[in-house]
């Protein structure tokens, strides 16, 4: 498989076991490929010692299962994520509040991170991915555990991101694709079944499909091989 992610917002769809999380881990330099390479233009490959640190500073990653450090407040947790990415301590602490704004957690900034609900914890980790000036933002199942209102807030956050940033979101959620993303990639069995604009993806849906069901119908057609 050969794939390139440029600027703009890409949604990565696929069933469980399709390879989405593995691909995201490779892009984040958490996994090392047995063959082939991962490269960030202008930085190089993360698997060369001299470019690992700058690669990771340029790439923000929210894994599907992210833990919480006890003893830290919500703001400190987000600031710590920024510090790990190379921000100075004071700068990371200042930026943490700004990052908590888009995810709706400013009012919980001084609360212990371990006291957040599951959905709030995901939003805190999302703020951690947004706190530094990343060129690439990788979000693996970021809306898991979100209620409809929280999902709507997430879509608003994605839409507000700088269009020069490469944003890749792995999800099962096919709602509001046209409003949130520029490109759709469907992965199934480790293979790319579709790669193109949202409009092209929705056109895969069978003729006569209701407008609000086109995303779901297009996805089902592609992963079941009915086309």
Protein backbone atom coordinates (compact mmCIF):
# COMPACT_ATOMS: atom_id res chain seq x y z
CA UNK A 1 0.00 0.00 0.00
CA UNK A 2 1.22 3.47 -0.87
CA UNK A 3 -0.66 6.49 0.43
CA UNK A 4 0.05 10.17 0.94
CA UNK A 5 -1.76 12.59 3.23
CA UNK A 6 -1.52 16.24 2.30
CA UNK A 7 -2.95 19.33 3.92
CA UNK A 8 -6.64 19.36 4.74
CA UNK A 9 -8.94 17.00 6.59
CA UNK A 10 -9.03 13.29 5.77
CA UNK A 11 -11.36 10.75 7.34
CA UNK A 12 -10.10 7.17 7.46
CA UNK A 13 -12.96 4.66 7.49
CA UNK A 14 -12.94 0.88 7.77
CA UNK A 15 -14.27 -2.06 9.81
CA UNK A 16 -12.56 -3.42 12.90
CA UNK A 17 -9.37 -5.20 11.89
CA UNK A 18 -9.01 -3.25 8.65
CA UNK A 19 -5.63 -1.87 9.72
CA UNK A 20 -6.64 1.70 10.61
CA UNK A 21 -4.98 1.78 14.03
CA UNK A 22 -1.88 0.05 12.68
CA UNK A 23 -1.60 2.62 9.90
CA UNK A 24 -2.05 5.46 12.39
CA UNK A 25 0.62 3.97 14.64
CA UNK A 26 3.00 3.76 11.68
CA UNK A 27 2.32 7.39 10.76
CA UNK A 28 2.94 8.40 14.39
CA UNK A 29 6.26 6.46 14.47
CA UNK A 30 4.96 4.24 17.28
CA UNK A 31 5.20 1.18 15.03
CA UNK A 32 8.17 0.46 12.77
CA UNK A 33 7.38 -0.99 9.33
CA UNK A 34 8.89 -4.37 8.46
CA UNK A 35 9.12 -3.14 4.88
CA UNK A 36 8.69 0.23 3.25
CA UNK A 37 8.97 3.63 4.86
CA UNK A 38 7.13 6.52 6.47
CA UNK A 39 8.26 10.02 5.59
CA UNK A 40 7.24 13.57 6.46
CA UNK A 41 8.21 16.06 3.80
CA UNK A 42 10.84 18.48 5.06
CA UNK A 43 11.60 16.35 8.11
CA UNK A 44 12.43 12.91 6.80
CA UNK A 45 11.76 9.46 8.19
CA UNK A 46 11.19 9.00 11.93
CA UNK A 47 13.33 5.87 11.93
CA UNK A 48 16.57 7.79 11.43
CA UNK A 49 17.94 8.88 14.81
CA UNK A 50 18.58 12.46 13.75
CA UNK A 51 15.02 13.02 12.54
CA UNK A 52 12.98 11.15 15.17
CA UNK A 53 12.66 14.12 17.56
CA UNK A 54 11.73 16.71 14.89
CA UNK A 55 9.33 14.19 13.32
CA UNK A 56 7.50 13.67 16.61
CA UNK A 57 7.41 17.39 17.32
CA UNK A 58 5.69 17.88 13.96
CA UNK A 59 3.15 15.08 14.44
CA UNK A 60 0.38 15.10 17.05
CA UNK A 61 -1.21 11.74 17.81
CA UNK A 62 -4.26 10.78 19.84
CA UNK A 63 -4.32 6.97 20.13
CA UNK A 64 -7.53 5.02 20.54
CA UNK A 65 -6.67 4.06 24.10
CA UNK A 66 -4.93 6.89 25.95
CA UNK A 67 -4.23 6.69 29.67
CA UNK A 68 -4.53 9.38 32.32
CA UNK A 69 -1.76 10.35 34.69
CA UNK A 70 -2.93 10.52 38.32
CA UNK A 71 -2.02 13.63 40.29
CA UNK A 72 -2.37 16.04 37.36
CA UNK A 73 -5.13 18.53 36.75
CA UNK A 74 -6.76 18.72 33.33
CA UNK A 75 -4.68 21.77 32.42
CA UNK A 76 -1.47 20.14 33.64
CA UNK A 77 -2.25 17.00 31.65
CA UNK A 78 -2.62 19.00 28.43
CA UNK A 79 0.45 21.10 29.25
CA UNK A 80 2.46 17.93 29.83
CA UNK A 81 1.51 16.72 26.35
CA UNK A 82 2.81 20.01 24.95
CA UNK A 83 6.02 19.77 26.97
CA UNK A 84 6.65 16.28 25.58
CA UNK A 85 6.40 17.81 22.11
CA UNK A 86 9.11 20.38 22.83
CA UNK A 87 7.21 23.36 24.24
CA UNK A 88 8.75 25.19 27.19
CA UNK A 89 7.05 24.61 30.54
CA UNK A 90 5.49 28.09 30.81
CA UNK A 91 4.47 28.14 27.15
CA UNK A 92 2.86 24.70 27.42
CA UNK A 93 0.94 25.74 30.55
CA UNK A 94 -0.31 28.91 28.82
CA UNK A 95 -1.31 27.12 25.63
CA UNK A 96 -3.15 24.41 27.56
CA UNK A 97 -6.03 26.77 28.35
CA UNK A 98 -6.33 27.77 24.68
CA UNK A 99 -6.42 24.10 23.68
CA UNK A 100 -9.14 23.33 26.22
CA UNK A 101 -11.43 25.98 24.72
CA UNK A 102 -12.37 24.17 21.47
CA UNK A 103 -13.14 20.93 23.37
CA UNK A 104 -15.29 22.69 25.99
CA UNK A 105 -13.24 21.91 29.08
CA UNK A 106 -11.99 25.33 30.21
CA UNK A 107 -14.30 25.14 33.23
CA UNK A 108 -12.64 21.86 34.26
CA UNK A 109 -9.06 23.07 33.78
CA UNK A 110 -8.22 22.86 37.50
CA UNK A 111 -10.09 19.60 38.15
CA UNK A 112 -8.14 16.38 38.68
CA UNK A 113 -7.86 14.63 35.33
CA UNK A 114 -8.88 11.32 36.89
CA UNK A 115 -12.29 12.77 37.85
CA UNK A 116 -13.40 13.33 34.25
CA UNK A 117 -16.01 11.15 32.60
CA UNK A 118 -15.02 8.92 29.68
CA UNK A 119 -16.15 11.44 27.07
CA UNK A 120 -14.47 14.32 28.90
CA UNK A 121 -11.24 12.33 29.10
CA UNK A 122 -11.26 11.85 25.32
CA UNK A 123 -11.79 15.58 24.91
CA UNK A 124 -8.88 16.30 27.25
CA UNK A 125 -6.62 14.06 25.18
CA UNK A 126 -7.85 15.80 22.04
CA UNK A 127 -6.75 19.11 23.59
CA UNK A 128 -3.36 17.50 24.21
CA UNK A 129 -3.08 16.77 20.49
CA UNK A 130 -3.97 20.37 19.63
CA UNK A 131 -1.75 22.15 22.17
CA UNK A 132 1.40 22.47 20.04
CA UNK A 133 1.94 23.66 16.48
CA UNK A 134 1.78 20.30 14.71
CA UNK A 135 2.01 19.96 10.94
CA UNK A 136 0.13 16.66 11.12
CA UNK A 137 -2.65 15.69 13.53
CA UNK A 138 -3.58 11.99 13.80
CA UNK A 139 -6.77 11.15 15.70
CA UNK A 140 -7.66 7.48 16.19
CA UNK A 141 -11.34 7.02 17.10
CA UNK A 142 -11.46 10.46 18.79
CA UNK A 143 -15.26 10.43 19.27
CA UNK A 144 -15.48 7.06 21.04
CA UNK A 145 -17.81 7.55 24.01
CA UNK A 146 -19.07 10.92 22.78
CA UNK A 147 -22.76 11.82 22.93
CA UNK A 148 -24.34 13.58 19.89
CA UNK A 149 -23.65 17.04 21.31
CA UNK A 150 -20.00 16.20 21.95
CA UNK A 151 -19.70 14.75 18.44
CA UNK A 152 -21.08 18.00 17.02
CA UNK A 153 -18.49 19.96 19.03
CA UNK A 154 -15.75 17.68 17.69
CA UNK A 155 -16.82 18.29 14.09
CA UNK A 156 -16.77 22.03 14.76
CA UNK A 157 -13.25 21.71 16.17
CA UNK A 158 -12.03 19.81 13.10
CA UNK A 159 -13.61 22.36 10.76
CA UNK A 160 -11.87 25.21 12.59
CA UNK A 161 -8.36 23.75 12.24
CA UNK A 162 -5.86 25.50 9.98
CA UNK A 163 -6.41 24.09 6.45
CA UNK A 164 -2.62 23.94 6.00
CA UNK A 165 -2.43 21.19 8.64
CA UNK A 166 -2.77 17.56 7.55
CA UNK A 167 -5.52 16.08 9.74
CA UNK A 168 -6.25 12.34 9.59
CA UNK A 169 -9.21 11.06 11.63
CA UNK A 170 -9.84 7.33 11.96
CA UNK A 171 -13.46 6.64 12.86
CA UNK A 172 -16.58 4.55 12.33
CA UNK A 173 -18.72 7.71 12.26
CA UNK A 174 -19.99 8.46 8.75
CA UNK A 175 -22.22 11.37 9.78
CA UNK A 176 -21.48 14.94 8.68
CA UNK A 177 -18.68 13.90 6.33
CA UNK A 178 -19.29 16.70 3.84
CA UNK A 179 -19.24 19.32 6.58
CA UNK A 180 -16.11 18.10 8.36
CA UNK A 181 -13.75 16.52 5.82
CA UNK A 182 -12.22 17.09 2.41
CA UNK A 183 -11.19 13.53 1.62
CA UNK A 184 -12.32 9.98 2.43
CA UNK A 185 -10.07 6.93 2.56
CA UNK A 186 -11.71 3.54 3.10
CA UNK A 187 -9.41 0.79 4.34
CA UNK A 188 -10.45 -2.86 4.41
CA UNK A 189 -8.22 -5.87 4.88
CA UNK A 190 -5.13 -3.70 4.72
CA UNK A 191 -6.11 -2.40 1.27
CA UNK A 192 -7.40 0.98 0.17
CA UNK A 193 -10.90 0.46 -1.22
CA UNK A 194 -11.60 4.14 -1.85
CA UNK A 195 -9.54 7.33 -1.87
CA UNK A 196 -11.15 10.53 -3.05
CA UNK A 197 -13.27 13.56 -2.22
CA UNK A 198 -16.32 13.30 0.02
CA UNK A 199 -18.64 13.92 -2.93
CA UNK A 200 -17.15 10.96 -4.80
CA UNK A 201 -17.51 8.74 -1.76
CA UNK A 202 -21.17 9.64 -1.32
CA UNK A 203 -21.80 8.92 -5.02
CA UNK A 204 -20.92 5.27 -4.33
CA UNK A 205 -24.23 4.92 -2.49
CA UNK A 206 -26.89 3.09 -4.51
CA UNK A 207 -29.26 5.25 -6.51
CA UNK A 208 -32.29 6.28 -4.52
CA UNK A 209 -30.57 6.19 -1.11
CA UNK A 210 -31.97 8.80 1.26
CA UNK A 211 -29.67 11.79 1.68
CA UNK A 212 -29.08 11.19 5.38
CA UNK A 213 -28.14 7.53 4.69
CA UNK A 214 -25.75 8.05 1.77
CA UNK A 215 -22.58 7.91 3.89
CA UNK A 216 -23.61 4.69 5.57
CA UNK A 217 -24.76 3.13 2.27
CA UNK A 218 -21.55 4.09 0.45
CA UNK A 219 -19.42 2.64 3.23
CA UNK A 220 -21.39 -0.62 3.27
CA UNK A 221 -21.08 -0.95 -0.49
CA UNK A 222 -17.31 -0.53 -0.41
CA UNK A 223 -16.43 -2.79 2.50
CA UNK A 224 -18.79 -5.57 1.41
CA UNK A 225 -17.48 -5.51 -2.15
CA UNK A 226 -20.96 -5.07 -3.61
CA UNK A 227 -19.83 -2.63 -6.26
